[in-house]
Structures are given as structure tokens and as C-alpha cells.
Amino acid sequence: MAVLILGMILFLGGHSVRIVAPGFRERMVAQHGEGAWKAVYSLIAFVGIVLIVIGYGAARADPIVLWQPPIWTRHLAVLLMVPVFVLIAAAYLPGRIKTALKHPMLAGVKLWALAHLLANGTLADVVLFGGFLAWAVADRISLKRRDGAPPLAVAPAGPRNDALAVIVGLAVYALFVLYLHRVLFGVSPL
């Protein structure tokens, strides 16, 4: 569990710099350059993800069960996951979805985390998915208070981007449900 928690601290901590220290990134970029900032940021995120995967895998091998979710919550989780990949795609494809939600990536992370919290009841699940949910909520609140965060690198705005986000998102969802979730995480959602 310690490895999972360390991974969460590194990954979410790096992604929380603007929440806890709004001007830190800009100062580091000014001192060391954007390339150096991105290299360190990416290294910390990568190490965090690796530790999350290792720690969560180890915790799943010897789970601490907090509750036994009813079977219907798994079906609900599969249903709640349908828009998640669409929202993530919409973060990079400006259209009506992005305009309406402002931060579709965070909406997707919140929905992903909630769906997995409903369907899983171990301590590792609460740490992983609860941590991501809490971070996404805190980041969204922080974004409302900030002037303007630099935008993600995205495709040019256009009316077809919503359709493209839906098509790409649903295709990736289908891949995950039918194949990738089992291959990557050892559990079939079906």
C-alpha cells in the first residue's frame, strides 16, 4: 500500500502544483526553461504512474476488503464509463462539449473515479479512485479561481470536433470494455 500511496503523491502532487503553488511553475520555467520544467514534470508523472501500477497490483494480490459492492454497481460502472472516453477526447477537440464543460478532462476523471468507486470495495480502490476523485474536484475548484490556465494543445476549433470526440471516445471505450481492460488490468468489466 505504501508504494501505491507514494505513486499517488508523486503523480497527483505533480499535477497539483498550480493548486497549491500557483506561481511556482512560471518561476521554474523562467529560471530553468520550459524544456527543463517539462522534463522534470514528465519524469515525476512517469515514476508516479509506475509506482501506482505496481502498488495497486500488489494491493490487489492481498486485498483489504472494506465492503462488498452489489453486483448491480458493476453494471452501473460500465454504463457510467460510456461518456468518460468521449470527455477525454473532447478535451483535445474543441467544440460544444468543451465549451459547455470548460474542462471535460476533469469531468471524465471524476466520472471514471466515481464509477470505479461504486464497483470496487477494497482499501486500494478507495486510495486510488478516491484520490483521483478528490484531486479532480480540487483541481476544478482551483481552475474556477484562477485567471486563465494555459490551454491544452488541441486541434483547431470546429463543428465536427464533437462528432469526432464521440466517435473516438466510443471506439476507445469499446476497445477497453471488450479487450484492453482485461489485458491491462486482469479484470473484464463484462
Protein backbone atom coordinates (compact mmCIF):
# COMPACT_ATOMS: atom_id res chain seq x y z
CA MET A 1 0.00 0.00 0.00
CA ALA A 2 2.92 2.33 0.68
CA VAL A 3 4.07 2.06 -2.94
CA LEU A 4 0.58 2.94 -4.19
CA ILE A 5 0.38 5.94 -1.86
CA LEU A 6 3.86 7.13 -2.88
CA GLY A 7 2.85 6.84 -6.53
CA MET A 8 -0.33 8.82 -5.89
CA ILE A 9 1.64 11.52 -4.08
CA LEU A 10 4.12 11.84 -6.94
CA PHE A 11 1.58 11.73 -9.77
CA LEU A 12 -1.17 13.83 -8.23
CA GLY A 13 1.32 16.04 -6.41
CA GLY A 14 2.97 16.97 -9.68
CA HIS A 15 -0.44 17.61 -11.20
CA SER A 16 -1.37 19.79 -8.22
CA VAL A 17 1.40 22.37 -8.44
CA ARG A 18 -1.00 25.05 -9.68
CA ILE A 19 -3.49 24.19 -6.94
CA VAL A 20 -1.06 24.59 -4.02
CA ALA A 21 1.55 26.93 -5.51
CA PRO A 22 0.00 28.92 -8.37
CA GLY A 23 3.13 30.80 -9.45
CA PHE A 24 5.67 28.01 -8.93
CA ARG A 25 5.53 26.63 -12.47
CA GLU A 26 6.03 30.04 -14.03
CA ARG A 27 9.01 30.77 -11.74
CA MET A 28 10.64 27.42 -12.59
CA VAL A 29 10.08 27.93 -16.32
CA ALA A 30 11.60 31.43 -16.06
CA GLN A 31 14.64 30.10 -14.18
CA HIS A 32 15.29 26.81 -15.99
CA GLY A 33 13.33 26.96 -19.25
CA GLU A 34 10.15 25.23 -20.36
CA GLY A 35 12.01 22.15 -21.64
CA ALA A 36 13.61 21.50 -18.26
CA TRP A 37 10.28 22.01 -16.49
CA LYS A 38 8.51 19.58 -18.82
CA ALA A 39 11.30 17.01 -18.46
CA VAL A 40 11.17 17.04 -14.65
CA TYR A 41 7.36 17.16 -14.61
CA SER A 42 7.14 14.22 -17.04
CA LEU A 43 9.69 12.18 -15.10
CA ILE A 44 7.81 12.69 -11.84
CA ALA A 45 4.48 11.80 -13.51
CA PHE A 46 6.00 8.69 -15.13
CA VAL A 47 7.57 7.46 -11.88
CA GLY A 48 4.25 8.15 -10.13
CA ILE A 49 2.27 6.12 -12.68
CA VAL A 50 4.74 3.22 -12.48
CA LEU A 51 4.50 3.20 -8.69
CA ILE A 52 0.69 3.40 -8.85
CA VAL A 53 0.56 0.39 -11.16
CA ILE A 54 3.00 -1.63 -9.04
CA GLY A 55 1.38 -0.60 -5.74
CA TYR A 56 -2.18 -1.22 -6.91
CA GLY A 57 -1.19 -4.60 -8.34
CA ALA A 58 0.44 -5.60 -5.06
CA ALA A 59 -2.58 -4.40 -3.08
CA ARG A 60 -4.91 -6.42 -5.32
CA ALA A 61 -2.88 -9.54 -4.61
CA ASP A 62 -3.63 -9.20 -0.88
CA PRO A 63 -6.75 -7.00 -0.71
CA ILE A 64 -8.19 -5.35 2.35
CA VAL A 65 -11.92 -5.54 1.70
CA LEU A 66 -13.88 -2.63 3.14
CA TRP A 67 -17.25 -3.58 1.64
CA GLN A 68 -18.69 -5.95 -0.93
CA PRO A 69 -20.40 -3.87 -3.64
CA PRO A 70 -23.65 -5.30 -5.00
CA ILE A 71 -23.35 -6.78 -8.49
CA TRP A 72 -25.56 -4.04 -10.00
CA THR A 73 -22.86 -1.46 -9.22
CA ARG A 74 -20.61 -3.17 -11.77
CA HIS A 75 -23.27 -2.77 -14.43
CA LEU A 76 -23.71 0.86 -13.40
CA ALA A 77 -19.94 1.40 -13.64
CA VAL A 78 -19.87 0.02 -17.19
CA LEU A 79 -22.68 2.42 -18.10
CA LEU A 80 -21.04 5.41 -16.36
CA MET A 81 -17.83 4.75 -18.27
CA VAL A 82 -19.50 5.31 -21.68
CA PRO A 83 -19.01 9.11 -21.66
CA VAL A 84 -15.58 9.04 -19.97
CA PHE A 85 -13.53 8.48 -23.11
CA VAL A 86 -15.70 10.94 -25.04
CA LEU A 87 -14.97 13.59 -22.40
CA ILE A 88 -11.25 12.89 -22.52
CA ALA A 89 -11.24 13.14 -26.32
CA ALA A 90 -13.28 16.36 -26.10
CA ALA A 91 -10.51 17.94 -24.01
CA TYR A 92 -8.34 17.89 -27.15
CA LEU A 93 -11.10 18.58 -29.69
CA PRO A 94 -12.68 21.98 -29.02
CA GLY A 95 -16.38 22.06 -29.75
CA ARG A 96 -19.66 22.35 -27.90
CA ILE A 97 -18.75 19.65 -25.37
CA LYS A 98 -15.60 21.50 -24.34
CA THR A 99 -17.37 24.86 -24.34
CA ALA A 100 -20.19 23.55 -22.13
CA LEU A 101 -17.98 21.72 -19.64
CA LYS A 102 -14.92 24.00 -19.83
CA HIS A 103 -12.72 21.14 -18.54
CA PRO A 104 -14.00 17.86 -19.97
CA MET A 105 -10.82 16.00 -18.93
CA LEU A 106 -11.58 16.68 -15.27
CA ALA A 107 -15.22 15.70 -15.77
CA GLY A 108 -14.03 12.44 -17.32
CA VAL A 109 -11.61 11.75 -14.45
CA LYS A 110 -14.35 12.40 -11.88
CA LEU A 111 -16.80 10.10 -13.65
CA TRP A 112 -14.11 7.40 -14.12
CA ALA A 113 -13.19 7.54 -10.44
CA LEU A 114 -16.82 7.52 -9.26
CA ALA A 115 -17.70 4.56 -11.49
CA HIS A 116 -14.78 2.56 -10.12
CA LEU A 117 -15.51 3.51 -6.50
CA LEU A 118 -19.07 2.23 -6.93
CA ALA A 119 -17.93 -1.12 -8.35
CA ASN A 120 -14.97 -1.85 -6.07
CA GLY A 121 -14.69 -2.06 -2.32
CA THR A 122 -11.07 -2.55 -1.29
CA LEU A 123 -8.81 -0.12 0.51
CA ALA A 124 -6.60 0.12 -2.57
CA ASP A 125 -9.64 1.11 -4.65
CA VAL A 126 -10.55 3.84 -2.18
CA VAL A 127 -6.97 5.14 -2.19
CA LEU A 128 -6.63 5.05 -5.99
CA PHE A 129 -10.05 6.11 -7.22
CA GLY A 130 -10.93 8.23 -4.19
CA GLY A 131 -7.60 10.03 -4.55
CA PHE A 132 -8.21 10.79 -8.22
CA LEU A 133 -11.77 11.92 -7.49
CA ALA A 134 -10.65 14.24 -4.70
CA TRP A 135 -7.86 15.64 -6.88
CA ALA A 136 -10.20 16.27 -9.84
CA VAL A 137 -12.70 18.08 -7.61
CA ALA A 138 -9.93 20.19 -6.03
CA ASP A 139 -8.41 20.97 -9.43
CA ARG A 140 -11.78 22.05 -10.86
CA ILE A 141 -12.39 24.35 -7.89
CA SER A 142 -8.86 25.73 -8.30
CA LEU A 143 -9.41 26.34 -12.01
CA LYS A 144 -12.53 28.38 -11.25
CA ARG A 145 -10.44 30.67 -9.05
CA ARG A 146 -7.51 31.06 -11.45
CA ASP A 147 -7.46 33.62 -14.19
CA GLY A 148 -6.70 31.52 -17.22
CA ALA A 149 -4.72 28.36 -17.25
CA PRO A 150 -2.79 27.81 -20.46
CA PRO A 151 -4.91 25.69 -22.78
CA LEU A 152 -4.05 22.13 -23.68
CA ALA A 153 -2.54 21.59 -27.10
CA VAL A 154 -5.65 20.88 -29.11
CA ALA A 155 -6.91 20.52 -32.64
CA PRO A 156 -8.29 23.63 -34.33
CA ALA A 157 -11.83 24.50 -33.21
CA GLY A 158 -14.57 23.30 -35.47
CA PRO A 159 -18.13 22.00 -35.52
CA ARG A 160 -17.05 18.45 -36.38
CA ASN A 161 -14.96 18.06 -33.26
CA ASP A 162 -17.89 16.97 -31.11
CA ALA A 163 -18.75 14.19 -33.54
CA LEU A 164 -15.10 13.20 -33.69
CA ALA A 165 -14.85 13.19 -29.88
CA VAL A 166 -17.91 10.94 -29.67
CA ILE A 167 -16.65 8.55 -32.37
CA VAL A 168 -13.11 8.32 -30.98
CA GLY A 169 -14.34 8.12 -27.39
CA LEU A 170 -16.84 5.35 -28.08
CA ALA A 171 -14.29 3.41 -30.14
CA VAL A 172 -11.74 3.55 -27.31
CA TYR A 173 -14.48 2.66 -24.81
CA ALA A 174 -15.39 -0.41 -26.87
CA LEU A 175 -11.72 -1.44 -27.05
CA PHE A 176 -11.39 -1.12 -23.28
CA VAL A 177 -14.61 -2.98 -22.46
CA LEU A 178 -14.04 -5.80 -24.93
CA TYR A 179 -10.29 -6.24 -24.69
CA LEU A 180 -7.90 -3.73 -23.12
CA HIS A 181 -9.29 -3.63 -19.56
CA ARG A 182 -8.78 -7.39 -19.22
CA VAL A 183 -5.32 -7.29 -20.84
CA LEU A 184 -4.05 -4.26 -18.92
CA PHE A 185 -5.71 -4.81 -15.53
CA GLY A 186 -6.55 -8.51 -15.45
CA VAL A 187 -10.29 -7.93 -14.98
CA SER A 188 -13.00 -7.96 -17.60
CA PRO A 189 -15.69 -5.36 -16.98
CA LEU A 190 -18.30 -7.60 -18.60
